Amino acid sequence: MTCRELIDFLMEYLSGEIPPDQRVVFEDHLQVCPSCVAYLRTYESTIRLGKASLEPTEDELPAEVPAELVDAILAARATTA
Protein backbone atom coordinates (compact mmCIF):
# COMPACT_ATOMS: atom_id res chain seq x y z
CA MET A 1 0.00 0.00 0.00
CA THR A 2 1.25 3.45 -0.86
CA CYS A 3 0.81 6.53 1.28
CA ARG A 4 -1.80 7.83 -1.17
CA GLU A 5 -3.77 4.58 -0.95
CA LEU A 6 -3.64 4.74 2.84
CA ILE A 7 -5.20 8.20 2.73
CA ASP A 8 -7.91 6.87 0.40
CA PHE A 9 -8.80 4.16 2.96
CA LEU A 10 -8.44 6.36 6.05
CA MET A 11 -12.13 6.99 6.73
CA GLU A 12 -13.03 3.35 6.19
CA TYR A 13 -10.25 2.36 8.60
CA LEU A 14 -11.32 4.81 11.30
CA SER A 15 -14.98 3.85 11.01
CA GLY A 16 -14.17 0.13 11.13
CA GLU A 17 -15.67 -0.42 7.68
CA ILE A 18 -12.43 -1.39 5.93
CA PRO A 19 -12.42 -5.02 4.73
CA PRO A 20 -10.26 -7.31 6.92
CA ASP A 21 -7.72 -8.00 4.18
CA GLN A 22 -7.30 -4.27 3.51
CA ARG A 23 -7.00 -3.61 7.25
CA VAL A 24 -3.98 -5.92 7.39
CA VAL A 25 -2.34 -4.16 4.44
CA PHE A 26 -3.22 -0.75 5.94
CA GLU A 27 -1.70 -1.63 9.32
CA ASP A 28 1.36 -3.19 7.66
CA HIS A 29 1.98 0.12 5.94
CA LEU A 30 1.68 1.96 9.26
CA GLN A 31 4.40 -0.31 10.67
CA VAL A 32 6.92 1.01 8.14
CA CYS A 33 5.77 4.58 7.47
CA PRO A 34 6.13 7.11 10.31
CA SER A 35 4.70 9.85 8.07
CA CYS A 36 1.42 7.98 7.68
CA VAL A 37 1.31 7.24 11.42
CA ALA A 38 1.68 10.97 12.08
CA TYR A 39 -1.01 11.74 9.49
CA LEU A 40 -3.37 9.20 11.07
CA ARG A 41 -2.80 10.59 14.58
CA THR A 42 -3.36 14.15 13.37
CA TYR A 43 -6.55 13.11 11.61
CA GLU A 44 -7.80 11.32 14.75
CA SER A 45 -7.04 14.41 16.83
CA THR A 46 -8.87 16.62 14.36
CA ILE A 47 -11.95 14.40 14.53
CA ARG A 48 -11.80 14.35 18.34
CA LEU A 49 -11.46 18.15 18.54
CA GLY A 50 -14.26 18.64 16.02
CA LYS A 51 -16.62 16.46 18.04
CA ALA A 52 -15.62 18.19 21.28
CA SER A 53 -16.34 21.60 19.77
CA LEU A 54 -19.91 20.54 19.06
CA GLU A 55 -20.63 19.43 22.61
CA PRO A 56 -22.48 22.06 24.62
CA THR A 57 -20.83 23.39 27.74
CA GLU A 58 -22.52 24.75 30.83
CA ASP A 59 -20.97 28.17 30.44
CA GLU A 60 -22.02 28.61 26.79
CA LEU A 61 -25.33 30.30 27.48
CA PRO A 62 -26.78 31.64 30.68
CA ALA A 63 -29.94 29.94 31.92
CA GLU A 64 -31.73 33.26 31.56
CA VAL A 65 -31.01 36.72 30.25
CA PRO A 66 -29.65 38.95 33.03
CA ALA A 67 -32.16 41.61 34.09
CA GLU A 68 -29.52 44.35 33.70
CA LEU A 69 -29.09 43.41 30.05
CA VAL A 70 -32.83 43.47 29.41
CA ASP A 71 -33.09 46.87 31.12
CA ALA A 72 -30.18 48.26 29.09
CA ILE A 73 -31.68 47.06 25.80
CA LEU A 74 -35.12 48.45 26.64
CA ALA A 75 -33.61 51.77 27.70
CA ALA A 76 -31.60 51.99 24.49
CA ARG A 77 -34.65 51.20 22.38
CA ALA A 78 -36.71 53.83 24.23
CA THR A 79 -34.17 56.55 23.44
CA THR A 80 -34.02 55.69 19.73
CA ALA A 81 -37.77 55.22 19.20
PDB file of N, CA and C in Angstrom:
ATOM      1  N   MET A   1       0.855  -1.178   0.000  1.00  0.00           N
ATOM      2  CA  MET A   1       0.000   0.000   0.000  1.00  0.00           C
ATOM      3  C   MET A   1       0.894   1.231   0.000  1.00  0.00           C
ATOM      4  N   THR A   2       0.518   2.191  -0.817  1.00  0.00           N
ATOM      5  CA  THR A   2       1.249   3.452  -0.861  1.00  0.00           C
ATOM      6  C   THR A   2       0.634   4.426   0.142  1.00  0.00           C
ATOM      7  N   CYS A   3       1.333   5.507   0.380  1.00  0.00           N
ATOM      8  CA  CYS A   3       0.806   6.534   1.282  1.00  0.00           C
ATOM      9  C   CYS A   3      -0.513   7.094   0.740  1.00  0.00           C
ATOM     10  N   ARG A   4      -0.579   7.301  -0.552  1.00  0.00           N
ATOM     11  CA  ARG A   4      -1.800   7.826  -1.168  1.00  0.00           C
ATOM     12  C   ARG A   4      -2.969   6.855  -0.983  1.00  0.00           C
ATOM     13  N   GLU A   5      -2.716   5.576  -1.145  1.00  0.00           N
ATOM     14  CA  GLU A   5      -3.770   4.578  -0.949  1.00  0.00           C
ATOM     15  C   GLU A   5      -4.222   4.551   0.506  1.00  0.00           C
ATOM     16  N   LEU A   6      -3.282   4.707   1.423  1.00  0.00           N
ATOM     17  CA  LEU A   6      -3.636   4.740   2.837  1.00  0.00           C
ATOM     18  C   LEU A   6      -4.609   5.884   3.104  1.00  0.00           C
ATOM     19  N   ILE A   7      -4.319   7.045   2.545  1.00  0.00           N
ATOM     20  CA  ILE A   7      -5.201   8.195   2.731  1.00  0.00           C
ATOM     21  C   ILE A   7      -6.585   7.904   2.151  1.00  0.00           C
ATOM     22  N   ASP A   8      -6.619   7.215   1.013  1.00  0.00           N
ATOM     23  CA  ASP A   8      -7.909   6.867   0.403  1.00  0.00           C
ATOM     24  C   ASP A   8      -8.748   5.951   1.299  1.00  0.00           C
ATOM     25  N   PHE A   9      -8.090   5.103   2.091  1.00  0.00           N
ATOM     26  CA  PHE A   9      -8.795   4.156   2.965  1.00  0.00           C
ATOM     27  C   PHE A   9      -8.953   4.662   4.403  1.00  0.00           C
ATOM     28  N   LEU A  10      -8.486   5.857   4.671  1.00  0.00           N
ATOM     29  CA  LEU A  10      -8.436   6.356   6.046  1.00  0.00           C
ATOM     30  C   LEU A  10      -9.800   6.372   6.738  1.00  0.00           C
ATOM     31  N   MET A  11     -10.812   6.918   6.093  1.00  0.00           N
ATOM     32  CA  MET A  11     -12.131   6.993   6.731  1.00  0.00           C
ATOM     33  C   MET A  11     -12.726   5.609   6.962  1.00  0.00           C
ATOM     34  N   GLU A  12     -12.537   4.711   6.008  1.00  0.00           N
ATOM     35  CA  GLU A  12     -13.032   3.345   6.195  1.00  0.00           C
ATOM     36  C   GLU A  12     -12.326   2.686   7.373  1.00  0.00           C
ATOM     37  N   TYR A  13     -11.033   2.933   7.499  1.00  0.00           N
ATOM     38  CA  TYR A  13     -10.255   2.357   8.600  1.00  0.00           C
ATOM     39  C   TYR A  13     -10.758   2.893   9.940  1.00  0.00           C
ATOM     40  N   LEU A  14     -10.902   4.199  10.034  1.00  0.00           N
ATOM     41  CA  LEU A  14     -11.315   4.807  11.298  1.00  0.00           C
ATOM     42  C   LEU A  14     -12.744   4.435  11.687  1.00  0.00           C
ATOM     43  N   SER A  15     -13.595   4.209  10.702  1.00  0.00           N
ATOM     44  CA  SER A  15     -14.984   3.847  11.005  1.00  0.00           C
ATOM     45  C   SER A  15     -15.168   2.346  11.193  1.00  0.00           C
ATOM     46  N   GLY A  16     -14.087   1.576  10.974  1.00  0.00           N
ATOM     47  CA  GLY A  16     -14.172   0.127  11.126  1.00  0.00           C
ATOM     48  C   GLY A  16     -14.822  -0.567   9.947  1.00  0.00           C
ATOM     49  N   GLU A  17     -14.991   0.145   8.844  1.00  0.00           N
ATOM     50  CA  GLU A  17     -15.668  -0.419   7.679  1.00  0.00           C
ATOM     51  C   GLU A  17     -14.704  -0.956   6.627  1.00  0.00           C
ATOM     52  N   ILE A  18     -13.412  -0.899   6.892  1.00  0.00           N
ATOM     53  CA  ILE A  18     -12.432  -1.392   5.927  1.00  0.00           C
ATOM     54  C   ILE A  18     -12.463  -2.924   5.932  1.00  0.00           C
ATOM     55  N   PRO A  19     -12.423  -3.555   4.770  1.00  0.00           N
ATOM     56  CA  PRO A  19     -12.415  -5.024   4.728  1.00  0.00           C
ATOM     57  C   PRO A  19     -11.198  -5.582   5.480  1.00  0.00           C
ATOM     58  N   PRO A  20     -11.347  -6.740   6.117  1.00  0.00           N
ATOM     59  CA  PRO A  20     -10.257  -7.309   6.925  1.00  0.00           C
ATOM     60  C   PRO A  20      -8.931  -7.446   6.174  1.00  0.00           C
ATOM     61  N   ASP A  21      -8.971  -7.852   4.918  1.00  0.00           N
ATOM     62  CA  ASP A  21      -7.719  -8.000   4.176  1.00  0.00           C
ATOM     63  C   ASP A  21      -7.054  -6.646   3.934  1.00  0.00           C
ATOM     64  N   GLN A  22      -7.851  -5.611   3.695  1.00  0.00           N
ATOM     65  CA  GLN A  22      -7.297  -4.266   3.515  1.00  0.00           C
ATOM     66  C   GLN A  22      -6.785  -3.703   4.836  1.00  0.00           C
ATOM     67  N   ARG A  23      -7.445  -4.063   5.934  1.00  0.00           N
ATOM     68  CA  ARG A  23      -6.996  -3.608   7.255  1.00  0.00           C
ATOM     69  C   ARG A  23      -5.574  -4.095   7.513  1.00  0.00           C
ATOM     70  N   VAL A  24      -5.309  -5.347   7.188  1.00  0.00           N
ATOM     71  CA  VAL A  24      -3.976  -5.922   7.388  1.00  0.00           C
ATOM     72  C   VAL A  24      -2.947  -5.144   6.576  1.00  0.00           C
ATOM     73  N   VAL A  25      -3.258  -4.895   5.315  1.00  0.00           N
ATOM     74  CA  VAL A  25      -2.335  -4.156   4.444  1.00  0.00           C
ATOM     75  C   VAL A  25      -2.151  -2.729   4.964  1.00  0.00           C
ATOM     76  N   PHE A  26      -3.238  -2.108   5.391  1.00  0.00           N
ATOM     77  CA  PHE A  26      -3.215  -0.752   5.943  1.00  0.00           C
ATOM     78  C   PHE A  26      -2.291  -0.703   7.156  1.00  0.00           C
ATOM     79  N   GLU A  27      -2.501  -1.617   8.095  1.00  0.00           N
ATOM     80  CA  GLU A  27      -1.704  -1.633   9.323  1.00  0.00           C
ATOM     81  C   GLU A  27      -0.256  -2.030   9.057  1.00  0.00           C
ATOM     82  N   ASP A  28      -0.014  -2.871   8.054  1.00  0.00           N
ATOM     83  CA  ASP A  28       1.362  -3.193   7.665  1.00  0.00           C
ATOM     84  C   ASP A  28       2.080  -1.932   7.185  1.00  0.00           C
ATOM     85  N   HIS A  29       1.381  -1.120   6.421  1.00  0.00           N
ATOM     86  CA  HIS A  29       1.981   0.125   5.939  1.00  0.00           C
ATOM     87  C   HIS A  29       2.317   1.046   7.112  1.00  0.00           C
ATOM     88  N   LEU A  30       1.425   1.112   8.086  1.00  0.00           N
ATOM     89  CA  LEU A  30       1.681   1.960   9.256  1.00  0.00           C
ATOM     90  C   LEU A  30       2.926   1.511  10.019  1.00  0.00           C
ATOM     91  N   GLN A  31       3.221   0.223   9.969  1.00  0.00           N
ATOM     92  CA  GLN A  31       4.403  -0.305  10.667  1.00  0.00           C
ATOM     93  C   GLN A  31       5.707   0.227  10.068  1.00  0.00           C
ATOM     94  N   VAL A  32       5.682   0.601   8.805  1.00  0.00           N
ATOM     95  CA  VAL A  32       6.921   1.009   8.136  1.00  0.00           C
ATOM     96  C   VAL A  32       6.920   2.470   7.688  1.00  0.00           C
ATOM     97  N   CYS A  33       5.856   3.203   7.967  1.00  0.00           N
ATOM     98  CA  CYS A  33       5.770   4.581   7.471  1.00  0.00           C
ATOM     99  C   CYS A  33       5.407   5.560   8.593  1.00  0.00           C
ATOM    100  N   PRO A  34       6.410   6.153   9.231  1.00  0.00           N
ATOM    101  CA  PRO A  34       6.134   7.108  10.306  1.00  0.00           C
ATOM    102  C   PRO A  34       5.328   8.325   9.833  1.00  0.00           C
ATOM    103  N   SER A  35       5.468   8.706   8.585  1.00  0.00           N
ATOM    104  CA  SER A  35       4.701   9.849   8.073  1.00  0.00           C
ATOM    105  C   SER A  35       3.205   9.554   8.081  1.00  0.00           C
ATOM    106  N   CYS A  36       2.840   8.349   7.691  1.00  0.00           N
ATOM    107  CA  CYS A  36       1.421   7.978   7.685  1.00  0.00           C
ATOM    108  C   CYS A  36       0.888   7.803   9.105  1.00  0.00           C
ATOM    109  N   VAL A  37       1.726   7.335  10.010  1.00  0.00           N
ATOM    110  CA  VAL A  37       1.309   7.240  11.417  1.00  0.00           C
ATOM    111  C   VAL A  37       1.010   8.642  11.937  1.00  0.00           C
ATOM    112  N   ALA A  38       1.889   9.592  11.641  1.00  0.00           N
ATOM    113  CA  ALA A  38       1.675  10.973  12.078  1.00  0.00           C
ATOM    114  C   ALA A  38       0.405  11.543  11.448  1.00  0.00           C
ATOM    115  N   TYR A  39       0.187  11.266  10.179  1.00  0.00           N
ATOM    116  CA  TYR A  39      -1.013  11.741   9.487  1.00  0.00           C
ATOM    117  C   TYR A  39      -2.263  11.159  10.141  1.00  0.00           C
ATOM    118  N   LEU A  40      -2.234   9.865  10.422  1.00  0.00           N
ATOM    119  CA  LEU A  40      -3.366   9.199  11.067  1.00  0.00           C
ATOM    120  C   LEU A  40      -3.648   9.810  12.435  1.00  0.00           C
ATOM    121  N   ARG A  41      -2.621  10.011  13.232  1.00  0.00           N
ATOM    122  CA  ARG A  41      -2.802  10.587  14.576  1.00  0.00           C
ATOM    123  C   ARG A  41      -3.366  12.007  14.494  1.00  0.00           C
ATOM    124  N   THR A  42      -2.860  12.787  13.553  1.00  0.00           N
ATOM    125  CA  THR A  42      -3.362  14.149  13.374  1.00  0.00           C
ATOM    126  C   THR A  42      -4.828  14.129  12.957  1.00  0.00           C
ATOM    127  N   TYR A  43      -5.170  13.235  12.068  1.00  0.00           N
ATOM    128  CA  TYR A  43      -6.552  13.107  11.610  1.00  0.00           C
ATOM    129  C   TYR A  43      -7.462  12.704  12.768  1.00  0.00           C
ATOM    130  N   GLU A  44      -7.016  11.743  13.576  1.00  0.00           N
ATOM    131  CA  GLU A  44      -7.796  11.318  14.746  1.00  0.00           C
ATOM    132  C   GLU A  44      -7.985  12.477  15.715  1.00  0.00           C
ATOM    133  N   SER A  45      -6.937  13.256  15.935  1.00  0.00           N
ATOM    134  CA  SER A  45      -7.036  14.414  16.831  1.00  0.00           C
ATOM    135  C   SER A  45      -8.007  15.449  16.289  1.00  0.00           C
ATOM    136  N   THR A  46      -7.962  15.666  14.990  1.00  0.00           N
ATOM    137  CA  THR A  46      -8.872  16.623  14.360  1.00  0.00           C
ATOM    138  C   THR A  46     -10.322  16.189  14.538  1.00  0.00           C
ATOM    139  N   ILE A  47     -10.589  14.919  14.341  1.00  0.00           N
ATOM    140  CA  ILE A  47     -11.948  14.398  14.532  1.00  0.00           C
ATOM    141  C   ILE A  47     -12.379  14.577  15.987  1.00  0.00           C
ATOM    142  N   ARG A  48     -11.491  14.233  16.911  1.00  0.00           N
ATOM    143  CA  ARG A  48     -11.795  14.350  18.340  1.00  0.00           C
ATOM    144  C   ARG A  48     -12.081  15.809  18.716  1.00  0.00           C
ATOM    145  N   LEU A  49     -11.260  16.739  18.234  1.00  0.00           N
ATOM    146  CA  LEU A  49     -11.464  18.155  18.536  1.00  0.00           C
ATOM    147  C   LEU A  49     -12.746  18.677  17.898  1.00  0.00           C
ATOM    148  N   GLY A  50     -13.028  18.229  16.686  1.00  0.00           N
ATOM    149  CA  GLY A  50     -14.264  18.641  16.024  1.00  0.00           C
ATOM    150  C   GLY A  50     -15.494  18.201  16.794  1.00  0.00           C
ATOM    151  N   LYS A  51     -15.487  16.970  17.251  1.00  0.00           N
ATOM    152  CA  LYS A  51     -16.616  16.462  18.041  1.00  0.00           C
ATOM    153  C   LYS A  51     -16.736  17.217  19.358  1.00  0.00           C
ATOM    154  N   ALA A  52     -15.602  17.480  19.997  1.00  0.00           N
ATOM    155  CA  ALA A  52     -15.619  18.187  21.279  1.00  0.00           C
ATOM    156  C   ALA A  52     -16.156  19.607  21.114  1.00  0.00           C
ATOM    157  N   SER A  53     -15.869  20.229  19.982  1.00  0.00           N
ATOM    158  CA  SER A  53     -16.335  21.602  19.774  1.00  0.00           C
ATOM    159  C   SER A  53     -17.848  21.671  19.588  1.00  0.00           C
ATOM    160  N   LEU A  54     -18.468  20.566  19.249  1.00  0.00           N
ATOM    161  CA  LEU A  54     -19.915  20.542  19.056  1.00  0.00           C
ATOM    162  C   LEU A  54     -20.679  20.207  20.328  1.00  0.00           C
ATOM    163  N   GLU A  55     -19.971  19.774  21.356  1.00  0.00           N
ATOM    164  CA  GLU A  55     -20.629  19.428  22.612  1.00  0.00           C
ATOM    165  C   GLU A  55     -20.921  20.703  23.396  1.00  0.00           C
ATOM    166  N   PRO A  56     -22.153  20.857  23.853  1.00  0.00           N
ATOM    167  CA  PRO A  56     -22.479  22.063  24.620  1.00  0.00           C
ATOM    168  C   PRO A  56     -21.768  22.062  25.970  1.00  0.00           C
ATOM    169  N   THR A  57     -21.435  23.247  26.412  1.00  0.00           N
ATOM    170  CA  THR A  57     -20.831  23.389  27.736  1.00  0.00           C
ATOM    171  C   THR A  57     -21.773  24.200  28.609  1.00  0.00           C
ATOM    172  N   GLU A  58     -21.630  24.059  29.902  1.00  0.00           N
ATOM    173  CA  GLU A  58     -22.524  24.751  30.830  1.00  0.00           C
ATOM    174  C   GLU A  58     -22.382  26.263  30.743  1.00  0.00           C
ATOM    175  N   ASP A  59     -21.181  26.734  30.445  1.00  0.00           N
ATOM    176  CA  ASP A  59     -20.971  28.173  30.435  1.00  0.00           C
ATOM    177  C   ASP A  59     -21.224  28.810  29.069  1.00  0.00           C
ATOM    178  N   GLU A  60     -21.749  28.054  28.110  1.00  0.00           N
ATOM    179  CA  GLU A  60     -22.017  28.609  26.787  1.00  0.00           C
ATOM    180  C   GLU A  60     -23.095  29.686  26.826  1.00  0.00           C
ATOM    181  N   LEU A  61     -24.222  29.360  27.409  1.00  0.00           N
ATOM    182  CA  LEU A  61     -25.329  30.300  27.476  1.00  0.00           C
ATOM    183  C   LEU A  61     -25.859  30.368  28.901  1.00  0.00           C
ATOM    184  N   PRO A  62     -26.182  31.560  29.339  1.00  0.00           N
ATOM    185  CA  PRO A  62     -26.781  31.638  30.679  1.00  0.00           C
ATOM    186  C   PRO A  62     -28.173  31.008  30.660  1.00  0.00           C
ATOM    187  N   ALA A  63     -28.610  30.553  31.811  1.00  0.00           N
ATOM    188  CA  ALA A  63     -29.935  29.938  31.920  1.00  0.00           C
ATOM    189  C   ALA A  63     -31.029  30.945  31.581  1.00  0.00           C
ATOM    190  N   GLU A  64     -30.777  32.203  31.891  1.00  0.00           N
ATOM    191  CA  GLU A  64     -31.735  33.257  31.562  1.00  0.00           C
ATOM    192  C   GLU A  64     -30.968  34.532  31.243  1.00  0.00           C
ATOM    193  N   VAL A  65     -31.640  35.450  30.596  1.00  0.00           N
ATOM    194  CA  VAL A  65     -31.005  36.721  30.246  1.00  0.00           C
ATOM    195  C   VAL A  65     -30.947  37.579  31.506  1.00  0.00           C
ATOM    196  N   PRO A  66     -29.766  38.109  31.828  1.00  0.00           N
ATOM    197  CA  PRO A  66     -29.651  38.947  33.029  1.00  0.00           C
ATOM    198  C   PRO A  66     -30.576  40.170  32.934  1.00  0.00           C
ATOM    199  N   ALA A  67     -31.207  40.498  34.044  1.00  0.00           N
ATOM    200  CA  ALA A  67     -32.156  41.614  34.088  1.00  0.00           C
ATOM    201  C   ALA A  67     -31.491  42.921  33.667  1.00  0.00           C
ATOM    202  N   GLU A  68     -30.226  43.112  34.056  1.00  0.00           N
ATOM    203  CA  GLU A  68     -29.516  44.346  33.699  1.00  0.00           C
ATOM    204  C   GLU A  68     -29.400  44.488  32.181  1.00  0.00           C
ATOM    205  N   LEU A  69     -29.197  43.376  31.501  1.00  0.00           N
ATOM    206  CA  LEU A  69     -29.086  43.412  30.046  1.00  0.00           C
ATOM    207  C   LEU A  69     -30.431  43.764  29.417  1.00  0.00           C
ATOM    208  N   VAL A  70     -31.487  43.165  29.913  1.00  0.00           N
ATOM    209  CA  VAL A  70     -32.830  43.474  29.407  1.00  0.00           C
ATOM    210  C   VAL A  70     -33.134  44.950  29.620  1.00  0.00           C
ATOM    211  N   ASP A  71     -32.843  45.455  30.816  1.00  0.00           N
ATOM    212  CA  ASP A  71     -33.089  46.871  31.120  1.00  0.00           C
ATOM    213  C   ASP A  71     -32.291  47.781  30.194  1.00  0.00           C
ATOM    214  N   ALA A  72     -31.035  47.437  29.949  1.00  0.00           N
ATOM    215  CA  ALA A  72     -30.183  48.260  29.087  1.00  0.00           C
ATOM    216  C   ALA A  72     -30.704  48.271  27.655  1.00  0.00           C
ATOM    217  N   ILE A  73     -31.147  47.131  27.166  1.00  0.00           N
ATOM    218  CA  ILE A  73     -31.682  47.059  25.802  1.00  0.00           C
ATOM    219  C   ILE A  73     -32.971  47.865  25.694  1.00  0.00           C
ATOM    220  N   LEU A  74     -33.854  47.702  26.669  1.00  0.00           N
ATOM    221  CA  LEU A  74     -35.118  48.445  26.643  1.00  0.00           C
ATOM    222  C   LEU A  74     -34.879  49.945  26.742  1.00  0.00           C
ATOM    223  N   ALA A  75     -33.925  50.347  27.565  1.00  0.00           N
ATOM    224  CA  ALA A  75     -33.608  51.769  27.699  1.00  0.00           C
ATOM    225  C   ALA A  75     -33.039  52.315  26.391  1.00  0.00           C
ATOM    226  N   ALA A  76     -32.182  51.556  25.753  1.00  0.00           N
ATOM    227  CA  ALA A  76     -31.595  51.994  24.488  1.00  0.00           C
ATOM    228  C   ALA A  76     -32.663  52.104  23.407  1.00  0.00           C
ATOM    229  N   ARG A  77     -33.569  51.163  23.378  1.00  0.00           N
ATOM    230  CA  ARG A  77     -34.649  51.203  22.381  1.00  0.00           C
ATOM    231  C   ARG A  77     -35.570  52.396  22.625  1.00  0.00           C
ATOM    232  N   ALA A  78     -35.811  52.716  23.896  1.00  0.00           N
ATOM    233  CA  ALA A  78     -36.705  53.826  24.228  1.00  0.00           C
ATOM    234  C   ALA A  78     -36.107  55.158  23.776  1.00  0.00           C
ATOM    235  N   THR A  79     -34.796  55.287  23.825  1.00  0.00           N
ATOM    236  CA  THR A  79     -34.170  56.554  23.438  1.00  0.00           C
ATOM    237  C   THR A  79     -34.059  56.706  21.928  1.00  0.00           C
ATOM    238  N   THR A  80     -34.133  55.609  21.194  1.00  0.00           N
ATOM    239  CA  THR A  80     -34.023  55.689  19.734  1.00  0.00           C
ATOM    240  C   THR A  80     -35.379  55.619  19.051  1.00  0.00           C
ATOM    241  N   ALA A  81     -36.432  55.370  19.805  1.00  0.00           N
ATOM    242  CA  ALA A  81     -37.766  55.221  19.197  1.00  0.00           C
ATOM    243  C   ALA A  81     -38.476  56.531  19.052  1.00  0.00           C
TER     244      ALA A  81
END
